[in-house]
Protein backbone atom coordinates (compact mmCIF):
# COMPACT_ATOMS: atom_id res chain seq x y z
CA MET A 1 -33.37 -24.98 -14.77
CA ASN A 2 -34.60 -22.67 -12.04
CA THR A 3 -32.69 -19.44 -12.61
CA PHE A 4 -33.13 -18.28 -8.99
CA TRP A 5 -31.25 -21.27 -7.56
CA TYR A 6 -28.63 -21.10 -10.31
CA TRP A 7 -27.78 -17.48 -9.52
CA PHE A 8 -28.05 -18.12 -5.78
CA GLU A 9 -25.41 -20.84 -6.10
CA VAL A 10 -23.15 -18.74 -8.36
CA TYR A 11 -23.51 -15.75 -6.05
CA GLY A 12 -22.80 -17.86 -2.97
CA TRP A 13 -19.64 -19.50 -4.34
CA ALA A 14 -18.33 -16.20 -5.71
CA SER A 15 -18.94 -14.52 -2.34
CA LEU A 16 -17.18 -17.34 -0.53
CA GLY A 17 -14.13 -17.27 -2.82
CA ILE A 18 -13.72 -13.51 -2.88
CA GLY A 19 -14.40 -13.33 0.87
CA VAL A 20 -11.59 -15.77 1.61
CA LEU A 21 -9.24 -13.74 -0.61
CA VAL A 22 -10.21 -10.48 1.09
CA GLY A 23 -9.65 -12.06 4.50
CA LEU A 24 -6.24 -13.43 3.57
CA VAL A 25 -5.17 -10.10 2.06
CA ALA A 26 -6.20 -8.39 5.30
CA PHE A 27 -4.14 -10.89 7.30
CA LEU A 28 -1.11 -10.50 5.01
CA PHE A 29 -1.37 -6.73 5.39
CA GLN A 30 -1.27 -7.17 9.18
CA TRP A 31 1.73 -9.48 8.83
CA LEU A 32 3.63 -7.08 6.56
CA ILE A 33 3.31 -4.08 8.86
CA GLY A 34 4.39 -6.12 11.88
CA LEU A 35 1.13 -6.68 13.78
CA VAL A 36 1.52 -10.48 13.90
CA ASP A 37 3.56 -12.17 16.61
CA TYR A 38 5.56 -14.85 14.74
CA GLU A 39 6.11 -16.98 17.85
CA ASP A 40 2.46 -17.14 18.96
CA GLN A 41 0.96 -19.77 16.65
CA THR A 42 -2.45 -19.65 18.36
CA SER A 43 -2.69 -15.93 17.71
CA ILE A 44 -1.75 -16.41 14.03
CA LYS A 45 -4.35 -19.16 13.55
CA PHE A 46 -6.97 -17.02 15.30
CA LYS A 47 -6.23 -14.00 13.12
CA VAL A 48 -6.31 -16.03 9.89
CA LEU A 49 -9.65 -17.54 10.89
CA VAL A 50 -11.13 -14.16 11.84
CA SER A 51 -9.79 -12.55 8.66
CA VAL A 52 -11.38 -15.19 6.45
CA LEU A 53 -14.70 -15.18 8.34
CA VAL A 54 -14.95 -11.40 8.25
CA GLY A 55 -14.13 -11.40 4.54
CA ILE A 56 -16.85 -13.96 3.85
CA ALA A 57 -19.42 -12.19 6.02
CA ALA A 58 -18.67 -8.81 4.46
CA LEU A 59 -18.88 -10.13 0.91
CA PHE A 60 -22.33 -11.61 1.42
CA THR A 61 -23.43 -7.98 1.32
CA TRP A 62 -22.11 -7.91 -2.25
CA PRO A 63 -23.94 -4.78 -3.50
CA LEU A 64 -21.74 -2.67 -1.19
CA ALA A 65 -18.59 -1.23 -2.69
CA ILE A 66 -15.44 -3.39 -2.41
CA LEU A 67 -13.62 -0.48 -0.79
CA GLY A 68 -16.24 -0.29 1.95
CA ILE A 69 -15.90 -4.03 2.55
CA LEU A 70 -12.12 -3.76 2.87
CA VAL A 71 -12.48 -0.88 5.34
CA ILE A 72 -14.89 -2.97 7.44
CA CYS A 73 -12.44 -5.91 7.39
CA PHE A 74 -9.44 -3.81 8.39
CA LEU A 75 -11.33 -2.02 11.18
CA PHE A 76 -12.59 -5.31 12.58
CA LEU A 77 -9.13 -6.86 12.40
CA ALA A 78 -7.62 -3.83 14.13
CA ILE A 79 -10.12 -4.24 16.97
CA VAL A 80 -9.39 -7.98 17.19
CA TRP A 81 -5.64 -7.26 17.27
CA LEU A 82 -6.07 -4.72 20.07
CA ILE A 83 -8.14 -7.18 22.11
CA ASP A 84 -5.80 -10.09 21.34
CA SER A 85 -2.57 -8.28 22.28
CA PRO A 86 -3.22 -5.29 24.59
CA ASN A 87 0.31 -5.17 26.05
CA LYS A 88 2.28 -5.26 22.81
CA PRO A 89 3.53 -2.09 21.12
CA ARG A 90 1.23 -0.83 18.40
CA LEU A 91 3.87 -0.76 15.64
CA PRO A 92 7.38 -2.09 16.27
CA ARG A 93 10.10 0.48 15.59
CA SER A 94 12.17 -2.09 13.69
CA HIS A 95 9.70 -1.89 10.79
CA TRP A 96 10.11 1.87 10.29
């Protein structure tokens, strides 16, 4: 067995799985603090997709600290949210 390809495959699948989890956690965090418009299904699908893709992309740089990866994900998602919904209030008062 070629150990390079074995570890490449293990590393790739682990990155993919953890990346998806990081992306979904980032999306759920947005949902919990009220940044997701429940009635706009296109926006929700877009944010889930972006969250998962950013999580996967960030985790392919695995040697970085997990905290740094989460910060990158949340910053990117905040920028996407601002672009996606420029006229909506930043944080609804009903959540505070």
